Amino acid sequence: MKKIALLILLALSIKGNSQFKKSMFGKDPIINLENFQKARVYYGYYLGFNSFDFKIDYKTVGPDILVKRTTGFNVGIIGDLKLQEYINLRFEPGLYYTKRDLYYPDFTTKLDALREVNSTYIHFPLLLKFSSLRTGNVRPYLVGGVASTLNLSSNSKSIDDNKEQRFRVKPWTTSYEIGFGIDIFSEYFIFSPSIRGSFGINDELIRDNDPNSPWTGNIQSIKSRAVLINFSFH
């Protein structure tokens, strides 16, 4: 969180603190990029962070698999199509990297108890952006939609399973996303921090060859969910 706060402060202090206050919050603010939102189509890019988790449902009651999350990173591009004054259609393909550790409490050895799940996602979200009225150089918005994701680290083609320390998931998954952000208009570009939740729809797990596997036998479904924090520039 300290790194995120530092990035926000650096981006907002480009023109200096006094000028920023005048242009953003003054009584008669200087309106930056006044005609920008009239554009039918525009492009941008984003950088950000993510924290992925697994939602695990079980067939029978038993010890839960513990999921340890880490902070990953995101990078991608933005294509924005204006549908109406307050509604935009956005396509934000990007590369997402993350890591999760699964701990199985029934095992005594680390080799069997720990499964490291490294994921490299190519993420294809299609979103609707609902903007509020612009106040000076600030414009909050809500965003939501669906996404399809390709996991380049799924191990889906591997014939080895958890007996050989190989955790496998399906290469393609779908999810829905919802969040909010704010457009901040500077003199030369728009800076837009946002936060979204991503919730997997379909079961991702590829079961082990043994139907009674202690790693996958009792799992009804595994679905990814995540918090995504992006810093966009247009």
Protein backbone atom coordinates (compact mmCIF):
# COMPACT_ATOMS: atom_id res chain seq x y z
CA MET A 1 0.00 0.00 0.00
CA LYS A 2 2.92 2.37 0.65
CA LYS A 3 4.14 1.85 -2.92
CA ILE A 4 0.65 2.51 -4.30
CA ALA A 5 0.34 5.71 -2.29
CA LEU A 6 3.76 6.86 -3.48
CA LEU A 7 2.84 6.33 -7.13
CA ILE A 8 -0.36 8.33 -6.72
CA LEU A 9 1.49 11.20 -5.06
CA LEU A 10 4.14 11.29 -7.78
CA ALA A 11 1.52 11.34 -10.56
CA LEU A 12 -0.51 14.09 -8.93
CA SER A 13 2.49 16.35 -8.25
CA ILE A 14 3.68 16.70 -11.85
CA LYS A 15 2.83 20.38 -12.13
CA GLY A 16 3.55 21.29 -8.54
CA ASN A 17 1.39 21.38 -5.49
CA SER A 18 0.10 24.95 -5.72
CA GLN A 19 -0.92 24.74 -9.38
CA PHE A 20 -2.57 21.38 -8.80
CA LYS A 21 -4.72 22.75 -5.99
CA LYS A 22 -5.78 25.69 -8.13
CA SER A 23 -6.65 23.60 -11.17
CA MET A 24 -8.42 20.83 -9.27
CA PHE A 25 -10.13 22.38 -6.29
CA GLY A 26 -10.04 26.17 -6.69
CA LYS A 27 -13.13 28.33 -6.81
CA ASP A 28 -12.63 28.89 -10.53
CA PRO A 29 -10.55 25.88 -11.62
CA ILE A 30 -8.65 25.86 -14.88
CA ILE A 31 -10.49 23.27 -17.00
CA ASN A 32 -7.93 20.88 -18.45
CA LEU A 33 -8.56 18.88 -21.63
CA GLU A 34 -12.01 20.38 -21.95
CA ASN A 35 -12.74 18.72 -25.30
CA PHE A 36 -11.20 15.36 -24.51
CA GLN A 37 -14.42 13.68 -23.35
CA LYS A 38 -16.09 14.66 -26.64
CA ALA A 39 -13.84 12.22 -28.52
CA ARG A 40 -15.63 9.16 -29.90
CA VAL A 41 -12.65 6.82 -29.51
CA TYR A 42 -9.47 7.13 -27.48
CA TYR A 43 -6.68 4.88 -26.24
CA GLY A 44 -4.43 4.54 -23.22
CA TYR A 45 -2.48 2.12 -21.09
CA TYR A 46 -2.40 0.97 -17.48
CA LEU A 47 -0.05 -0.37 -14.84
CA GLY A 48 -1.13 -1.89 -11.57
CA PHE A 49 -1.17 -4.53 -8.88
CA ASN A 50 -3.30 -7.56 -8.13
CA SER A 51 -4.03 -9.95 -5.30
CA PHE A 52 -5.52 -13.27 -6.46
CA ASP A 53 -7.25 -15.83 -4.27
CA PHE A 54 -9.10 -19.11 -4.79
CA LYS A 55 -12.69 -19.74 -3.73
CA ILE A 56 -12.80 -23.47 -2.97
CA ASP A 57 -16.02 -25.48 -2.54
CA TYR A 58 -15.88 -29.01 -1.15
CA LYS A 59 -17.93 -32.18 -1.67
CA THR A 60 -17.86 -33.10 2.03
CA VAL A 61 -16.94 -31.26 5.22
CA GLY A 62 -13.26 -31.52 6.09
CA PRO A 63 -10.11 -29.49 6.71
CA ASP A 64 -9.94 -26.44 4.46
CA ILE A 65 -7.11 -25.93 2.00
CA LEU A 66 -5.31 -22.76 3.01
CA VAL A 67 -4.56 -20.22 0.30
CA LYS A 68 -1.68 -17.77 0.74
CA ARG A 69 -1.90 -14.76 -1.58
CA THR A 70 0.90 -12.57 -2.88
CA THR A 71 0.95 -9.25 -4.71
CA GLY A 72 1.27 -9.52 -8.49
CA PHE A 73 1.44 -6.92 -11.23
CA ASN A 74 -0.66 -5.89 -14.26
CA VAL A 75 0.17 -4.10 -17.48
CA GLY A 76 -2.05 -3.51 -20.49
CA ILE A 77 -3.66 -1.21 -23.03
CA ILE A 78 -7.07 0.49 -23.19
CA GLY A 79 -9.47 1.04 -26.05
CA ASP A 80 -12.46 3.24 -25.20
CA LEU A 81 -15.59 3.80 -27.31
CA LYS A 82 -18.05 6.51 -26.29
CA LEU A 83 -21.63 5.19 -26.48
CA GLN A 84 -23.34 8.07 -24.75
CA GLU A 85 -22.28 11.13 -22.75
CA TYR A 86 -21.99 9.13 -19.54
CA ILE A 87 -21.48 5.58 -20.85
CA ASN A 88 -18.36 4.15 -22.50
CA LEU A 89 -17.50 0.68 -23.74
CA ARG A 90 -13.95 -0.33 -22.81
CA PHE A 91 -11.65 -3.16 -23.87
CA GLU A 92 -8.62 -3.55 -21.61
CA PRO A 93 -6.44 -6.51 -22.68
CA GLY A 94 -3.46 -7.01 -20.42
CA LEU A 95 -0.84 -9.28 -18.93
CA TYR A 96 -1.37 -10.26 -15.28
CA TYR A 97 1.16 -12.16 -13.20
CA THR A 98 0.34 -13.61 -9.78
CA LYS A 99 1.24 -16.42 -7.37
CA ARG A 100 -0.78 -18.42 -4.84
CA ASP A 101 0.38 -21.11 -2.42
CA LEU A 102 -1.98 -23.92 -1.45
CA TYR A 103 -1.41 -25.66 1.89
CA TYR A 104 -3.06 -29.07 2.43
CA PRO A 105 -3.36 -29.65 6.21
CA ASP A 106 -3.69 -33.44 5.97
CA PHE A 107 -0.07 -33.93 4.91
CA THR A 108 2.96 -33.92 7.18
CA THR A 109 5.68 -33.34 4.59
CA LYS A 110 6.13 -30.02 2.79
CA LEU A 111 6.59 -31.80 -0.54
CA ASP A 112 3.02 -33.11 -0.37
CA ALA A 113 1.41 -30.28 1.62
CA LEU A 114 2.52 -27.32 -0.51
CA ARG A 115 1.46 -26.54 -4.06
CA GLU A 116 2.80 -23.36 -5.61
CA VAL A 117 0.42 -22.01 -8.25
CA ASN A 118 2.17 -19.50 -10.49
CA SER A 119 -0.15 -17.89 -13.01
CA THR A 120 0.57 -15.76 -16.05
CA TYR A 121 -2.73 -14.50 -17.41
CA ILE A 122 -3.62 -12.82 -20.68
CA HIS A 123 -6.74 -11.00 -19.56
CA PHE A 124 -9.50 -9.83 -21.95
CA PRO A 125 -12.10 -7.73 -20.09
CA LEU A 126 -15.00 -6.03 -21.87
CA LEU A 127 -16.42 -3.35 -19.60
CA LEU A 128 -19.03 -0.63 -19.39
CA LYS A 129 -17.92 2.60 -17.74
CA PHE A 130 -20.62 4.77 -16.13
CA SER A 131 -19.29 8.27 -15.47
CA SER A 132 -20.76 10.99 -13.28
CA LEU A 133 -20.88 14.69 -14.08
CA ARG A 134 -17.44 16.25 -14.33
CA THR A 135 -16.64 18.59 -11.44
CA GLY A 136 -13.71 20.81 -12.35
CA ASN A 137 -10.98 18.37 -13.30
CA VAL A 138 -12.37 15.37 -11.47
CA ARG A 139 -14.87 12.78 -12.71
CA PRO A 140 -15.73 9.63 -10.68
CA TYR A 141 -17.06 6.53 -12.41
CA LEU A 142 -18.30 2.98 -11.92
CA VAL A 143 -17.17 0.13 -14.13
CA GLY A 144 -18.34 -3.43 -14.63
CA GLY A 145 -18.41 -6.23 -17.17
CA VAL A 146 -17.16 -9.69 -18.08
CA ALA A 147 -13.74 -11.08 -18.91
CA SER A 148 -12.18 -14.09 -20.55
CA THR A 149 -8.72 -15.12 -19.39
CA LEU A 150 -6.02 -17.37 -20.82
CA ASN A 151 -3.67 -18.90 -18.24
CA LEU A 152 -0.29 -19.52 -19.87
CA SER A 153 0.87 -21.44 -16.77
CA SER A 154 -2.12 -23.77 -16.44
CA ASN A 155 -0.22 -27.08 -16.93
CA SER A 156 -3.39 -28.31 -18.66
CA LYS A 157 -1.47 -30.38 -21.22
CA SER A 158 0.68 -32.13 -18.65
CA ILE A 159 0.03 -35.84 -18.03
CA ASP A 160 1.61 -35.51 -14.58
CA ASP A 161 -0.61 -34.58 -11.67
CA ASN A 162 -0.20 -33.87 -7.97
CA LYS A 163 1.58 -37.16 -7.36
CA GLU A 164 4.41 -35.59 -9.35
CA GLN A 165 3.90 -32.17 -7.65
CA ARG A 166 2.04 -30.80 -10.67
CA PHE A 167 -1.09 -28.75 -9.95
CA ARG A 168 -3.25 -28.34 -13.06
CA VAL A 169 -6.01 -25.90 -13.98
CA LYS A 170 -7.96 -25.19 -17.15
CA PRO A 171 -6.36 -22.76 -19.62
CA TRP A 172 -9.47 -20.60 -20.21
CA THR A 173 -11.70 -19.10 -17.54
CA THR A 174 -14.44 -16.50 -17.42
CA SER A 175 -15.25 -13.96 -14.73
CA TYR A 176 -17.25 -10.84 -13.99
CA GLU A 177 -15.77 -7.61 -12.68
CA ILE A 178 -17.11 -4.58 -10.84
CA GLY A 179 -15.37 -1.54 -9.38
CA PHE A 180 -14.96 2.20 -9.32
CA GLY A 181 -12.37 4.84 -10.16
CA ILE A 182 -11.82 8.51 -10.78
CA ASP A 183 -10.62 10.44 -13.83
CA ILE A 184 -8.25 13.27 -12.91
CA PHE A 185 -7.66 15.71 -15.77
CA SER A 186 -4.19 17.27 -15.93
CA GLU A 187 -3.00 19.66 -18.61
CA TYR A 188 -1.63 16.96 -20.92
CA PHE A 189 -3.25 13.65 -19.96
CA ILE A 190 -5.88 11.95 -17.80
CA PHE A 191 -4.69 9.98 -14.78
CA SER A 192 -7.23 7.40 -13.62
CA PRO A 193 -6.70 5.22 -10.53
CA SER A 194 -9.28 2.44 -10.09
CA ILE A 195 -9.99 -0.62 -7.99
CA ARG A 196 -12.01 -3.64 -9.13
CA GLY A 197 -13.08 -7.00 -7.87
CA SER A 198 -12.87 -9.98 -10.22
CA PHE A 199 -14.97 -13.10 -9.56
CA GLY A 200 -14.51 -16.38 -11.45
CA ILE A 201 -17.61 -18.03 -12.89
CA ASN A 202 -16.49 -21.50 -13.94
CA ASP A 203 -14.61 -24.29 -12.17
CA GLU A 204 -10.90 -24.13 -13.08
CA LEU A 205 -9.58 -27.36 -11.58
CA ILE A 206 -8.30 -30.30 -13.62
CA ARG A 207 -8.68 -33.36 -11.37
CA ASP A 208 -5.90 -35.84 -10.72
CA ASN A 209 -5.91 -39.17 -12.54
CA ASP A 210 -6.94 -40.91 -9.33
CA PRO A 211 -10.58 -39.95 -8.53
CA ASN A 212 -9.81 -40.40 -4.81
CA SER A 213 -6.75 -38.15 -4.91
CA PRO A 214 -6.13 -36.43 -1.55
CA TRP A 215 -5.35 -33.22 -3.46
CA THR A 216 -8.41 -32.98 -5.72
CA GLY A 217 -10.83 -35.77 -4.76
CA ASN A 218 -12.88 -33.73 -2.28
CA ILE A 219 -12.95 -30.50 -4.28
CA GLN A 220 -16.28 -29.54 -5.85
CA SER A 221 -14.90 -26.44 -7.58
CA ILE A 222 -12.07 -23.92 -7.57
CA LYS A 223 -12.72 -20.40 -8.83
CA SER A 224 -10.35 -17.46 -8.96
CA ARG A 225 -11.21 -14.14 -7.37
CA ALA A 226 -9.04 -11.08 -7.17
CA VAL A 227 -8.62 -7.45 -6.23
CA LEU A 228 -7.22 -5.40 -9.14
CA ILE A 229 -5.70 -1.94 -8.69
CA ASN A 230 -4.86 -0.13 -11.91
CA PHE A 231 -3.36 3.28 -12.72
CA SER A 232 -4.46 4.33 -16.19
CA PHE A 233 -3.10 7.07 -18.46
CA HIS A 234 -5.00 8.44 -21.47
